[in-house]
C-alpha atoms as a PDB file:
ATOM      1  CA  MET A   1     -15.702   9.645  17.893  1.00  0.00           C
ATOM      2  CA  VAL A   2     -14.760  12.864  19.678  1.00  0.00           C
ATOM      3  CA  LYS A   3     -14.630  15.889  17.372  1.00  0.00           C
ATOM      4  CA  VAL A   4     -12.273  18.808  17.777  1.00  0.00           C
ATOM      5  CA  GLN A   5     -12.837  22.213  16.244  1.00  0.00           C
ATOM      6  CA  LEU A   6     -10.040  23.788  14.161  1.00  0.00           C
ATOM      7  CA  ASN A   7     -10.062  27.268  12.748  1.00  0.00           C
ATOM      8  CA  VAL A   8      -8.326  27.619   9.374  1.00  0.00           C
ATOM      9  CA  ARG A   9      -7.783  30.295   6.783  1.00  0.00           C
ATOM     10  CA  ILE A  10      -7.790  29.244   3.141  1.00  0.00           C
ATOM     11  CA  ASP A  11      -7.679  30.953  -0.281  1.00  0.00           C
ATOM     12  CA  LYS A  12     -10.981  32.147  -1.673  1.00  0.00           C
ATOM     13  CA  GLU A  13     -10.602  29.818  -4.716  1.00  0.00           C
ATOM     14  CA  LEU A  14     -10.168  26.818  -2.440  1.00  0.00           C
ATOM     15  CA  ALA A  15     -13.255  27.830  -0.377  1.00  0.00           C
ATOM     16  CA  GLU A  16     -15.248  28.017  -3.570  1.00  0.00           C
ATOM     17  CA  GLU A  17     -14.090  24.557  -4.544  1.00  0.00           C
ATOM     18  CA  ILE A  18     -15.220  23.277  -1.180  1.00  0.00           C
ATOM     19  CA  ASP A  19     -18.584  24.976  -1.514  1.00  0.00           C
ATOM     20  CA  GLU A  20     -19.007  23.458  -4.940  1.00  0.00           C
ATOM     21  CA  ARG A  21     -18.462  19.970  -3.515  1.00  0.00           C
ATOM     22  CA  VAL A  22     -21.267  20.580  -1.013  1.00  0.00           C
ATOM     23  CA  ARG A  23     -23.596  22.198  -3.629  1.00  0.00           C
ATOM     24  CA  SER A  24     -23.086  19.157  -5.957  1.00  0.00           C
ATOM     25  CA  GLY A  25     -24.299  16.846  -3.242  1.00  0.00           C
ATOM     26  CA  ARG A  26     -21.016  14.945  -3.203  1.00  0.00           C
ATOM     27  CA  PHE A  27     -20.606  15.971   0.446  1.00  0.00           C
ATOM     28  CA  GLN A  28     -23.174  17.106   3.046  1.00  0.00           C
ATOM     29  CA  THR A  29     -21.023  19.701   4.780  1.00  0.00           C
ATOM     30  CA  LYS A  30     -17.825  21.662   4.305  1.00  0.00           C
ATOM     31  CA  THR A  31     -16.434  19.756   7.314  1.00  0.00           C
ATOM     32  CA  ASP A  32     -16.994  16.474   5.428  1.00  0.00           C
ATOM     33  CA  VAL A  33     -15.072  17.850   2.396  1.00  0.00           C
ATOM     34  CA  LEU A  34     -12.109  18.976   4.492  1.00  0.00           C
ATOM     35  CA  ALA A  35     -12.071  15.741   6.630  1.00  0.00           C
ATOM     36  CA  SER A  36     -12.097  13.602   3.445  1.00  0.00           C
ATOM     37  CA  ALA A  37      -9.329  15.655   1.863  1.00  0.00           C
ATOM     38  CA  LEU A  38      -7.117  15.497   4.987  1.00  0.00           C
ATOM     39  CA  LYS A  39      -7.659  11.721   5.310  1.00  0.00           C
ATOM     40  CA  LEU A  40      -6.461  11.332   1.700  1.00  0.00           C
ATOM     41  CA  LEU A  41      -3.476  13.568   2.263  1.00  0.00           C
ATOM     42  CA  ILE A  42      -2.455  11.656   5.403  1.00  0.00           C
ATOM     43  CA  ARG A  43      -2.908   8.280   3.711  1.00  0.00           C
ATOM     44  CA  ALA A  44      -0.729   9.404   0.747  1.00  0.00           C
ATOM     45  CA  GLN A  45       1.998  10.715   3.053  1.00  0.00           C
ATOM     46  CA  ARG A  46       2.006   7.539   5.092  1.00  0.00           C
ATOM     47  CA  GLY A  47       2.393   5.558   1.808  1.00  0.00           C
ATOM     48  CA  GLU A  48       5.299   7.736   0.799  1.00  0.00           C
ATOM     49  CA  GLU A  49       6.919   7.270   4.275  1.00  0.00           C
ATOM     50  CA  LEU A  50       6.458   3.433   4.021  1.00  0.00           C
ATOM     51  CA  ALA A  51       7.960   3.428   0.448  1.00  0.00           C
ATOM     52  CA  GLU A  52      10.996   5.321   1.727  1.00  0.00           C
ATOM     53  CA  ARG A  53      11.447   2.898   4.664  1.00  0.00           C
ATOM     54  CA  MET A  54      11.152  -0.036   2.300  1.00  0.00           C
ATOM     55  CA  SER A  55      13.679   1.474  -0.002  1.00  0.00           C
ATOM     56  CA  ARG A  56      16.123   1.879   2.845  1.00  0.00           C
ATOM     57  CA  VAL A  57      15.594  -1.751   3.853  1.00  0.00           C
ATOM     58  CA  ARG A  58      16.230  -2.882   0.292  1.00  0.00           C
ATOM     59  CA  GLU A  59      19.487  -0.938  -0.032  1.00  0.00           C
ATOM     60  CA  GLY A  60      22.385  -3.515  -0.397  1.00  0.00           C
ATOM     61  CA  THR A  61      20.062  -6.378  -1.261  1.00  0.00           C
ATOM     62  CA  GLU A  62      19.909  -5.787  -5.009  1.00  0.00           C
ATOM     63  CA  GLY A  63      21.997  -8.909  -5.659  1.00  0.00           C
ATOM     64  CA  TYR A  64      19.601 -11.228  -3.862  1.00  0.00           C
ATOM     65  CA  PRO A  65      16.873 -12.945  -5.748  1.00  0.00           C
ATOM     66  CA  SER A  66      13.355 -11.512  -5.397  1.00  0.00           C
ATOM     67  CA  LEU A  67      10.758 -13.287  -3.249  1.00  0.00           C
ATOM     68  CA  ASN A  68       9.029 -14.473  -6.371  1.00  0.00           C
ATOM     69  CA  GLU A  69      12.309 -15.910  -7.804  1.00  0.00           C
ATOM     70  CA  ALA A  70      13.131 -17.645  -4.592  1.00  0.00           C
ATOM     71  CA  LEU A  71       9.629 -19.271  -4.386  1.00  0.00           C
ATOM     72  CA  THR A  72       9.792 -20.409  -7.963  1.00  0.00           C
ATOM     73  CA  LYS A  73      13.207 -22.016  -7.420  1.00  0.00           C
ATOM     74  CA  ALA A  74      11.958 -23.705  -4.235  1.00  0.00           C
ATOM     75  CA  ARG A  75       8.954 -25.194  -6.084  1.00  0.00           C
ATOM     76  CA  GLU A  76      11.122 -26.382  -8.929  1.00  0.00           C
ATOM     77  CA  GLU A  77      13.452 -28.100  -6.396  1.00  0.00           C
ATOM     78  CA  GLU A  78      10.495 -29.790  -4.764  1.00  0.00           C
ATOM     79  CA  ASP A  79       9.382 -31.133  -8.166  1.00  0.00           C
ATOM     80  CA  GLU A  80      12.786 -32.738  -8.811  1.00  0.00           C
ATOM     81  CA  PRO A  81      13.239 -36.410  -7.838  1.00  0.00           C
ATOM     82  CA  PRO A  82      15.614 -37.056  -5.007  1.00  0.00           C
ATOM     83  CA  SER A  83      19.194 -37.774  -6.189  1.00  0.00           C
ATOM     84  CA  GLY A  84      20.227 -41.407  -6.188  1.00  0.00           C
ATOM     85  CA  CYS A  85      16.822 -42.891  -6.757  1.00  0.00           C
ATOM     86  CA  GLY A  86      17.137 -43.284 -10.468  1.00  0.00           C
ATOM     87  CA  GLY A  87      13.796 -41.638 -10.997  1.00  0.00           C
ATOM     88  CA  LEU A  88      11.831 -44.304  -9.199  1.00  0.00           C
ATOM     89  CA  PHE A  89       9.368 -43.277  -6.546  1.00  0.00           C
ATOM     90  CA  LEU A  90       7.601 -45.457  -4.000  1.00  0.00           C
ATOM     91  CA  PHE A  91       4.173 -44.218  -3.156  1.00  0.00           C
ATOM     92  CA  LEU A  92       2.542 -45.588  -0.091  1.00  0.00           C
ATOM     93  CA  GLY A  93      -1.169 -45.153   0.150  1.00  0.00           C
END
């Protein structure tokens, strides 16, 4: 993977937290700490964006059954004998 160098300025306290993560052995370098933190941030923001899009799609569908309810009803209907057969089934093997 191609790496790009970024120059950033951060608060002293945050820099100390990053240093502590490296000292503890959790990460090998400061770059690893920052890359991991940014990946988590981006993943969280993408999740929020997806939730917002899903919410917009759901708007106006509150009266419809949930997917779980629809599947349960379909299975129940499959289990019911066909009308007009008097409960008798012919199984061919």
